[in-house]
Amino acid sequence: MKILEHTPLWVKLVYANIRTRKSAIWMIISCIVFAFYSIPWSQLSGNPLVLKLFLIHDWTWSISMLPLTIWYWLALRWVDQHAAWKEV
């Protein structure tokens, strides 16, 4: 990402080491996948296999991934609107 003169701090922080739009989209997808994985499936299912595969037993990680995903998405929109992506 090109740092423009008027780039807000919250966009600079979230995309400090992300150079391309494709990488930013991969970060958003990764956050969504991790949020889905972090749902405490062990509470929702009594299956012993589920208890071994999904080691998270509370909503902490899943809930914390939501604002992070929204932050990445809003920053992506800002950079898209201001044409601040580096040319590859």
PDB file of N, CA and C in Angstrom:
ATOM      1  N   MET A   1       0.834  -1.162   0.000  1.00  0.00           N
ATOM      2  CA  MET A   1       0.000   0.000   0.000  1.00  0.00           C
ATOM      3  C   MET A   1       0.888   1.238   0.000  1.00  0.00           C
ATOM      4  N   LYS A   2       0.533   2.181  -0.826  1.00  0.00           N
ATOM      5  CA  LYS A   2       1.230   3.460  -0.823  1.00  0.00           C
ATOM      6  C   LYS A   2       0.690   4.294   0.331  1.00  0.00           C
ATOM      7  N   ILE A   3       1.582   4.832   1.118  1.00  0.00           N
ATOM      8  CA  ILE A   3       1.168   5.715   2.199  1.00  0.00           C
ATOM      9  C   ILE A   3       1.003   7.115   1.605  1.00  0.00           C
ATOM     10  N   LEU A   4      -0.233   7.549   1.537  1.00  0.00           N
ATOM     11  CA  LEU A   4      -0.526   8.881   1.023  1.00  0.00           C
ATOM     12  C   LEU A   4      -0.420   9.892   2.157  1.00  0.00           C
ATOM     13  N   GLU A   5      -0.350  11.142   1.789  1.00  0.00           N
ATOM     14  CA  GLU A   5      -0.231  12.209   2.781  1.00  0.00           C
ATOM     15  C   GLU A   5      -1.429  12.254   3.725  1.00  0.00           C
ATOM     16  N   HIS A   6      -2.605  11.930   3.221  1.00  0.00           N
ATOM     17  CA  HIS A   6      -3.835  12.014   4.014  1.00  0.00           C
ATOM     18  C   HIS A   6      -4.340  10.650   4.495  1.00  0.00           C
ATOM     19  N   THR A   7      -3.481   9.641   4.478  1.00  0.00           N
ATOM     20  CA  THR A   7      -3.877   8.320   4.958  1.00  0.00           C
ATOM     21  C   THR A   7      -4.081   8.354   6.469  1.00  0.00           C
ATOM     22  N   PRO A   8      -5.262   7.941   6.943  1.00  0.00           N
ATOM     23  CA  PRO A   8      -5.501   7.946   8.394  1.00  0.00           C
ATOM     24  C   PRO A   8      -4.629   6.920   9.120  1.00  0.00           C
ATOM     25  N   LEU A   9      -4.405   7.179  10.385  1.00  0.00           N
ATOM     26  CA  LEU A   9      -3.561   6.302  11.192  1.00  0.00           C
ATOM     27  C   LEU A   9      -4.119   4.890  11.271  1.00  0.00           C
ATOM     28  N   TRP A  10      -5.441   4.739  11.388  1.00  0.00           N
ATOM     29  CA  TRP A  10      -6.031   3.410  11.528  1.00  0.00           C
ATOM     30  C   TRP A  10      -5.818   2.567  10.274  1.00  0.00           C
ATOM     31  N   VAL A  11      -5.686   3.196   9.106  1.00  0.00           N
ATOM     32  CA  VAL A  11      -5.394   2.453   7.870  1.00  0.00           C
ATOM     33  C   VAL A  11      -3.910   2.114   7.820  1.00  0.00           C
ATOM     34  N   LYS A  12      -3.063   3.044   8.222  1.00  0.00           N
ATOM     35  CA  LYS A  12      -1.620   2.773   8.244  1.00  0.00           C
ATOM     36  C   LYS A  12      -1.298   1.609   9.177  1.00  0.00           C
ATOM     37  N   LEU A  13      -1.966   1.568  10.329  1.00  0.00           N
ATOM     38  CA  LEU A  13      -1.691   0.504  11.297  1.00  0.00           C
ATOM     39  C   LEU A  13      -2.102  -0.870  10.789  1.00  0.00           C
ATOM     40  N   VAL A  14      -3.254  -0.952  10.171  1.00  0.00           N
ATOM     41  CA  VAL A  14      -3.753  -2.267   9.766  1.00  0.00           C
ATOM     42  C   VAL A  14      -3.012  -2.811   8.535  1.00  0.00           C
ATOM     43  N   TYR A  15      -2.571  -1.930   7.659  1.00  0.00           N
ATOM     44  CA  TYR A  15      -1.890  -2.394   6.442  1.00  0.00           C
ATOM     45  C   TYR A  15      -0.424  -1.955   6.400  1.00  0.00           C
ATOM     46  N   ALA A  16       0.230  -1.918   7.539  1.00  0.00           N
ATOM     47  CA  ALA A  16       1.622  -1.466   7.607  1.00  0.00           C
ATOM     48  C   ALA A  16       2.552  -2.337   6.755  1.00  0.00           C
ATOM     49  N   ASN A  17       2.359  -3.648   6.762  1.00  0.00           N
ATOM     50  CA  ASN A  17       3.252  -4.549   6.013  1.00  0.00           C
ATOM     51  C   ASN A  17       2.552  -5.272   4.879  1.00  0.00           C
ATOM     52  N   ILE A  18       1.363  -4.854   4.542  1.00  0.00           N
ATOM     53  CA  ILE A  18       0.632  -5.477   3.442  1.00  0.00           C
ATOM     54  C   ILE A  18       0.767  -4.571   2.225  1.00  0.00           C
ATOM     55  N   ARG A  19       1.305  -5.112   1.169  1.00  0.00           N
ATOM     56  CA  ARG A  19       1.640  -4.294  -0.004  1.00  0.00           C
ATOM     57  C   ARG A  19       0.579  -4.311  -1.107  1.00  0.00           C
ATOM     58  N   THR A  20      -0.135  -5.429  -1.242  1.00  0.00           N
ATOM     59  CA  THR A  20      -1.063  -5.550  -2.368  1.00  0.00           C
ATOM     60  C   THR A  20      -2.490  -5.781  -1.891  1.00  0.00           C
ATOM     61  N   ARG A  21      -3.427  -5.495  -2.776  1.00  0.00           N
ATOM     62  CA  ARG A  21      -4.844  -5.694  -2.475  1.00  0.00           C
ATOM     63  C   ARG A  21      -5.135  -7.188  -2.280  1.00  0.00           C
ATOM     64  N   LYS A  22      -4.465  -8.019  -3.056  1.00  0.00           N
ATOM     65  CA  LYS A  22      -4.664  -9.463  -2.942  1.00  0.00           C
ATOM     66  C   LYS A  22      -4.281  -9.953  -1.541  1.00  0.00           C
ATOM     67  N   SER A  23      -3.196  -9.453  -1.006  1.00  0.00           N
ATOM     68  CA  SER A  23      -2.781  -9.822   0.352  1.00  0.00           C
ATOM     69  C   SER A  23      -3.789  -9.344   1.387  1.00  0.00           C
ATOM     70  N   ALA A  24      -4.343  -8.170   1.174  1.00  0.00           N
ATOM     71  CA  ALA A  24      -5.337  -7.635   2.100  1.00  0.00           C
ATOM     72  C   ALA A  24      -6.598  -8.497   2.088  1.00  0.00           C
ATOM     73  N   ILE A  25      -7.007  -8.934   0.913  1.00  0.00           N
ATOM     74  CA  ILE A  25      -8.183  -9.799   0.811  1.00  0.00           C
ATOM     75  C   ILE A  25      -7.912 -11.143   1.484  1.00  0.00           C
ATOM     76  N   TRP A  26      -6.696 -11.669   1.344  1.00  0.00           N
ATOM     77  CA  TRP A  26      -6.341 -12.924   2.012  1.00  0.00           C
ATOM     78  C   TRP A  26      -6.386 -12.756   3.530  1.00  0.00           C
ATOM     79  N   MET A  27      -6.000 -11.598   4.034  1.00  0.00           N
ATOM     80  CA  MET A  27      -6.077 -11.349   5.474  1.00  0.00           C
ATOM     81  C   MET A  27      -7.526 -11.364   5.951  1.00  0.00           C
ATOM     82  N   ILE A  28      -8.408 -10.763   5.184  1.00  0.00           N
ATOM     83  CA  ILE A  28      -9.830 -10.739   5.548  1.00  0.00           C
ATOM     84  C   ILE A  28     -10.398 -12.154   5.529  1.00  0.00           C
ATOM     85  N   ILE A  29     -10.083 -12.914   4.499  1.00  0.00           N
ATOM     86  CA  ILE A  29     -10.568 -14.295   4.409  1.00  0.00           C
ATOM     87  C   ILE A  29     -10.017 -15.124   5.566  1.00  0.00           C
ATOM     88  N   SER A  30      -8.748 -14.931   5.903  1.00  0.00           N
ATOM     89  CA  SER A  30      -8.149 -15.671   7.023  1.00  0.00           C
ATOM     90  C   SER A  30      -8.847 -15.343   8.339  1.00  0.00           C
ATOM     91  N   CYS A  31      -9.184 -14.087   8.531  1.00  0.00           N
ATOM     92  CA  CYS A  31      -9.892 -13.692   9.755  1.00  0.00           C
ATOM     93  C   CYS A  31     -11.269 -14.354   9.823  1.00  0.00           C
ATOM     94  N   ILE A  32     -11.962 -14.405   8.703  1.00  0.00           N
ATOM     95  CA  ILE A  32     -13.287 -15.030   8.665  1.00  0.00           C
ATOM     96  C   ILE A  32     -13.173 -16.526   8.954  1.00  0.00           C
ATOM     97  N   VAL A  33     -12.208 -17.187   8.339  1.00  0.00           N
ATOM     98  CA  VAL A  33     -12.020 -18.622   8.562  1.00  0.00           C
ATOM     99  C   VAL A  33     -11.655 -18.898  10.013  1.00  0.00           C
ATOM    100  N   PHE A  34     -10.756 -18.099  10.575  1.00  0.00           N
ATOM    101  CA  PHE A  34     -10.368 -18.316  11.964  1.00  0.00           C
ATOM    102  C   PHE A  34     -11.532 -18.033  12.914  1.00  0.00           C
ATOM    103  N   ALA A  35     -12.336 -17.014  12.600  1.00  0.00           N
ATOM    104  CA  ALA A  35     -13.516 -16.723  13.430  1.00  0.00           C
ATOM    105  C   ALA A  35     -14.486 -17.905  13.402  1.00  0.00           C
ATOM    106  N   PHE A  36     -14.655 -18.502  12.235  1.00  0.00           N
ATOM    107  CA  PHE A  36     -15.536 -19.663  12.113  1.00  0.00           C
ATOM    108  C   PHE A  36     -14.964 -20.861  12.879  1.00  0.00           C
ATOM    109  N   TYR A  37     -13.653 -21.071  12.769  1.00  0.00           N
ATOM    110  CA  TYR A  37     -13.010 -22.163  13.510  1.00  0.00           C
ATOM    111  C   TYR A  37     -13.122 -21.942  15.016  1.00  0.00           C
ATOM    112  N   SER A  38     -13.076 -20.684  15.435  1.00  0.00           N
ATOM    113  CA  SER A  38     -13.050 -20.345  16.859  1.00  0.00           C
ATOM    114  C   SER A  38     -14.395 -20.445  17.558  1.00  0.00           C
ATOM    115  N   ILE A  39     -15.440 -20.707  16.809  1.00  0.00           N
ATOM    116  CA  ILE A  39     -16.734 -20.935  17.457  1.00  0.00           C
ATOM    117  C   ILE A  39     -16.574 -22.158  18.353  1.00  0.00           C
ATOM    118  N   PRO A  40     -17.044 -22.090  19.584  1.00  0.00           N
ATOM    119  CA  PRO A  40     -16.849 -23.239  20.487  1.00  0.00           C
ATOM    120  C   PRO A  40     -17.744 -24.424  20.113  1.00  0.00           C
ATOM    121  N   TRP A  41     -17.315 -25.132  19.079  1.00  0.00           N
ATOM    122  CA  TRP A  41     -18.098 -26.272  18.580  1.00  0.00           C
ATOM    123  C   TRP A  41     -18.246 -27.355  19.637  1.00  0.00           C
ATOM    124  N   SER A  42     -17.299 -27.421  20.557  1.00  0.00           N
ATOM    125  CA  SER A  42     -17.379 -28.442  21.612  1.00  0.00           C
ATOM    126  C   SER A  42     -18.585 -28.212  22.520  1.00  0.00           C
ATOM    127  N   GLN A  43     -19.011 -26.974  22.672  1.00  0.00           N
ATOM    128  CA  GLN A  43     -20.208 -26.683  23.461  1.00  0.00           C
ATOM    129  C   GLN A  43     -21.482 -27.007  22.689  1.00  0.00           C
ATOM    130  N   LEU A  44     -21.389 -26.907  21.375  1.00  0.00           N
ATOM    131  CA  LEU A  44     -22.568 -27.101  20.542  1.00  0.00           C
ATOM    132  C   LEU A  44     -22.774 -28.553  20.128  1.00  0.00           C
ATOM    133  N   SER A  45     -21.734 -29.372  20.297  1.00  0.00           N
ATOM    134  CA  SER A  45     -21.817 -30.767  19.875  1.00  0.00           C
ATOM    135  C   SER A  45     -21.254 -31.667  20.978  1.00  0.00           C
ATOM    136  N   GLY A  46     -21.822 -32.815  21.120  1.00  0.00           N
ATOM    137  CA  GLY A  46     -21.324 -33.770  22.103  1.00  0.00           C
ATOM    138  C   GLY A  46     -20.431 -34.830  21.483  1.00  0.00           C
ATOM    139  N   ASN A  47     -20.108 -34.692  20.233  1.00  0.00           N
ATOM    140  CA  ASN A  47     -19.304 -35.649  19.498  1.00  0.00           C
ATOM    141  C   ASN A  47     -17.855 -35.628  20.006  1.00  0.00           C
ATOM    142  N   PRO A  48     -17.275 -36.784  20.377  1.00  0.00           N
ATOM    143  CA  PRO A  48     -15.891 -36.822  20.876  1.00  0.00           C
ATOM    144  C   PRO A  48     -14.860 -36.376  19.831  1.00  0.00           C
ATOM    145  N   LEU A  49     -15.127 -36.615  18.554  1.00  0.00           N
ATOM    146  CA  LEU A  49     -14.210 -36.178  17.499  1.00  0.00           C
ATOM    147  C   LEU A  49     -14.160 -34.656  17.443  1.00  0.00           C
ATOM    148  N   VAL A  50     -15.306 -34.032  17.581  1.00  0.00           N
ATOM    149  CA  VAL A  50     -15.365 -32.568  17.589  1.00  0.00           C
ATOM    150  C   VAL A  50     -14.590 -32.019  18.777  1.00  0.00           C
ATOM    151  N   LEU A  51     -14.677 -32.682  19.911  1.00  0.00           N
ATOM    152  CA  LEU A  51     -13.948 -32.240  21.102  1.00  0.00           C
ATOM    153  C   LEU A  51     -12.433 -32.291  20.895  1.00  0.00           C
ATOM    154  N   LYS A  52     -11.949 -33.253  20.082  1.00  0.00           N
ATOM    155  CA  LYS A  52     -10.513 -33.361  19.822  1.00  0.00           C
ATOM    156  C   LYS A  52     -10.051 -32.392  18.739  1.00  0.00           C
ATOM    157  N   LEU A  53     -10.873 -32.156  17.725  1.00  0.00           N
ATOM    158  CA  LEU A  53     -10.488 -31.282  16.617  1.00  0.00           C
ATOM    159  C   LEU A  53     -10.553 -29.800  16.964  1.00  0.00           C
ATOM    160  N   PHE A  54     -11.571 -29.410  17.701  1.00  0.00           N
ATOM    161  CA  PHE A  54     -11.778 -28.007  18.028  1.00  0.00           C
ATOM    162  C   PHE A  54     -11.475 -27.807  19.506  1.00  0.00           C
ATOM    163  N   LEU A  55     -10.329 -27.223  19.790  1.00  0.00           N
ATOM    164  CA  LEU A  55      -9.836 -27.121  21.159  1.00  0.00           C
ATOM    165  C   LEU A  55     -10.326 -25.870  21.885  1.00  0.00           C
ATOM    166  N   ILE A  56     -11.050 -25.028  21.225  1.00  0.00           N
ATOM    167  CA  ILE A  56     -11.513 -23.781  21.827  1.00  0.00           C
ATOM    168  C   ILE A  56     -12.847 -24.031  22.518  1.00  0.00           C
ATOM    169  N   HIS A  57     -12.933 -23.618  23.788  1.00  0.00           N
ATOM    170  CA  HIS A  57     -14.111 -23.939  24.580  1.00  0.00           C
ATOM    171  C   HIS A  57     -14.925 -22.724  25.002  1.00  0.00           C
ATOM    172  N   ASP A  58     -14.561 -21.527  24.524  1.00  0.00           N
ATOM    173  CA  ASP A  58     -15.362 -20.348  24.835  1.00  0.00           C
ATOM    174  C   ASP A  58     -15.430 -19.433  23.606  1.00  0.00           C
ATOM    175  N   TRP A  59     -16.192 -18.366  23.722  1.00  0.00           N
ATOM    176  CA  TRP A  59     -16.448 -17.474  22.581  1.00  0.00           C
ATOM    177  C   TRP A  59     -15.422 -16.361  22.440  1.00  0.00           C
ATOM    178  N   THR A  60     -14.394 -16.337  23.253  1.00  0.00           N
ATOM    179  CA  THR A  60     -13.448 -15.221  23.279  1.00  0.00           C
ATOM    180  C   THR A  60     -12.804 -14.959  21.923  1.00  0.00           C
ATOM    181  N   TRP A  61     -12.232 -15.977  21.316  1.00  0.00           N
ATOM    182  CA  TRP A  61     -11.535 -15.783  20.039  1.00  0.00           C
ATOM    183  C   TRP A  61     -12.490 -15.423  18.910  1.00  0.00           C
ATOM    184  N   SER A  62     -13.604 -16.085  18.855  1.00  0.00           N
ATOM    185  CA  SER A  62     -14.560 -15.822  17.783  1.00  0.00           C
ATOM    186  C   SER A  62     -15.090 -14.396  17.866  1.00  0.00           C
ATOM    187  N   ILE A  63     -15.427 -13.957  19.058  1.00  0.00           N
ATOM    188  CA  ILE A  63     -15.942 -12.605  19.237  1.00  0.00           C
ATOM    189  C   ILE A  63     -14.861 -11.558  18.965  1.00  0.00           C
ATOM    190  N   SER A  64     -13.634 -11.828  19.332  1.00  0.00           N
ATOM    191  CA  SER A  64     -12.563 -10.857  19.099  1.00  0.00           C
ATOM    192  C   SER A  64     -12.165 -10.767  17.628  1.00  0.00           C
ATOM    193  N   MET A  65     -12.428 -11.791  16.855  1.00  0.00           N
ATOM    194  CA  MET A  65     -12.099 -11.746  15.430  1.00  0.00           C
ATOM    195  C   MET A  65     -13.076 -10.875  14.642  1.00  0.00           C
ATOM    196  N   LEU A  66     -14.264 -10.673  15.152  1.00  0.00           N
ATOM    197  CA  LEU A  66     -15.254  -9.856  14.447  1.00  0.00           C
ATOM    198  C   LEU A  66     -14.795  -8.416  14.247  1.00  0.00           C
ATOM    199  N   PRO A  67     -14.398  -7.673  15.297  1.00  0.00           N
ATOM    200  CA  PRO A  67     -13.953  -6.300  15.055  1.00  0.00           C
ATOM    201  C   PRO A  67     -12.692  -6.227  14.199  1.00  0.00           C
ATOM    202  N   LEU A  68     -11.818  -7.207  14.324  1.00  0.00           N
ATOM    203  CA  LEU A  68     -10.610  -7.222  13.509  1.00  0.00           C
ATOM    204  C   LEU A  68     -10.955  -7.380  12.028  1.00  0.00           C
ATOM    205  N   THR A  69     -11.876  -8.258  11.727  1.00  0.00           N
ATOM    206  CA  THR A  69     -12.313  -8.451  10.346  1.00  0.00           C
ATOM    207  C   THR A  69     -12.948  -7.179   9.805  1.00  0.00           C
ATOM    208  N   ILE A  70     -13.768  -6.542  10.609  1.00  0.00           N
ATOM    209  CA  ILE A  70     -14.409  -5.295  10.182  1.00  0.00           C
ATOM    210  C   ILE A  70     -13.362  -4.201   9.952  1.00  0.00           C
ATOM    211  N   TRP A  71     -12.362  -4.139  10.812  1.00  0.00           N
ATOM    212  CA  TRP A  71     -11.281  -3.160  10.666  1.00  0.00           C
ATOM    213  C   TRP A  71     -10.530  -3.373   9.346  1.00  0.00           C
ATOM    214  N   TYR A  72     -10.161  -4.617   9.046  1.00  0.00           N
ATOM    215  CA  TYR A  72      -9.494  -4.918   7.774  1.00  0.00           C
ATOM    216  C   TYR A  72     -10.374  -4.537   6.587  1.00  0.00           C
ATOM    217  N   TRP A  73     -11.655  -4.845   6.667  1.00  0.00           N
ATOM    218  CA  TRP A  73     -12.562  -4.576   5.559  1.00  0.00           C
ATOM    219  C   TRP A  73     -12.746  -3.070   5.337  1.00  0.00           C
ATOM    220  N   LEU A  74     -12.919  -2.305   6.416  1.00  0.00           N
ATOM    221  CA  LEU A  74     -13.078  -0.855   6.284  1.00  0.00           C
ATOM    222  C   LEU A  74     -11.806  -0.204   5.740  1.00  0.00           C
ATOM    223  N   ALA A  75     -10.649  -0.683   6.193  1.00  0.00           N
ATOM    224  CA  ALA A  75      -9.384  -0.160   5.678  1.00  0.00           C
ATOM    225  C   ALA A  75      -9.228  -0.502   4.197  1.00  0.00           C
ATOM    226  N   LEU A  76      -9.645  -1.702   3.807  1.00  0.00           N
ATOM    227  CA  LEU A  76      -9.598  -2.087   2.389  1.00  0.00           C
ATOM    228  C   LEU A  76     -10.467  -1.145   1.560  1.00  0.00           C
ATOM    229  N   ARG A  77     -11.655  -0.844   2.040  1.00  0.00           N
ATOM    230  CA  ARG A  77     -12.537   0.095   1.330  1.00  0.00           C
ATOM    231  C   ARG A  77     -11.905   1.474   1.210  1.00  0.00           C
ATOM    232  N   TRP A  78     -11.264   1.956   2.296  1.00  0.00           N
ATOM    233  CA  TRP A  78     -10.636   3.272   2.253  1.00  0.00           C
ATOM    234  C   TRP A  78      -9.529   3.304   1.204  1.00  0.00           C
ATOM    235  N   VAL A  79      -8.680   2.285   1.216  1.00  0.00           N
ATOM    236  CA  VAL A  79      -7.563   2.243   0.261  1.00  0.00           C
ATOM    237  C   VAL A  79      -8.095   2.116  -1.164  1.00  0.00           C
ATOM    238  N   ASP A  80      -9.148   1.336  -1.377  1.00  0.00           N
ATOM    239  CA  ASP A  80      -9.749   1.213  -2.701  1.00  0.00           C
ATOM    240  C   ASP A  80     -10.278   2.557  -3.199  1.00  0.00           C
ATOM    241  N   GLN A  81     -10.938   3.291  -2.325  1.00  0.00           N
ATOM    242  CA  GLN A  81     -11.540   4.567  -2.716  1.00  0.00           C
ATOM    243  C   GLN A  81     -10.492   5.638  -2.983  1.00  0.00           C
ATOM    244  N   HIS A  82      -9.328   5.506  -2.371  1.00  0.00           N
ATOM    245  CA  HIS A  82      -8.293   6.518  -2.546  1.00  0.00           C
ATOM    246  C   HIS A  82      -7.148   6.038  -3.438  1.00  0.00           C
ATOM    247  N   ALA A  83      -7.349   4.915  -4.098  1.00  0.00           N
ATOM    248  CA  ALA A  83      -6.366   4.379  -5.064  1.00  0.00           C
ATOM    249  C   ALA A  83      -4.953   4.370  -4.498  1.00  0.00           C
ATOM    250  N   ALA A  84      -4.797   3.776  -3.345  1.00  0.00           N
ATOM    251  CA  ALA A  84      -3.493   3.792  -2.675  1.00  0.00           C
ATOM    252  C   ALA A  84      -2.763   2.455  -2.746  1.00  0.00           C
ATOM    253  N   TRP A  85      -3.178   1.549  -3.607  1.00  0.00           N
ATOM    254  CA  TRP A  85      -2.474   0.265  -3.726  1.00  0.00           C
ATOM    255  C   TRP A  85      -1.268   0.440  -4.617  1.00  0.00           C
ATOM    256  N   LYS A  86      -0.180  -0.222  -4.241  1.00  0.00           N
ATOM    257  CA  LYS A  86       1.015  -0.199  -5.068  1.00  0.00           C
ATOM    258  C   LYS A  86       0.789  -1.015  -6.327  1.00  0.00           C
ATOM    259  N   GLU A  87       1.383  -0.598  -7.369  1.00  0.00           N
ATOM    260  CA  GLU A  87       1.353  -1.368  -8.616  1.00  0.00           C
ATOM    261  C   GLU A  87       2.301  -2.543  -8.483  1.00  0.00           C
ATOM    262  N   VAL A  88       1.852  -3.719  -8.903  1.00  0.00           N
ATOM    263  CA  VAL A  88       2.682  -4.914  -8.776  1.00  0.00           C
ATOM    264  C   VAL A  88       3.564  -5.067  -9.986  1.00  0.00           C
TER     265      VAL A  88
END
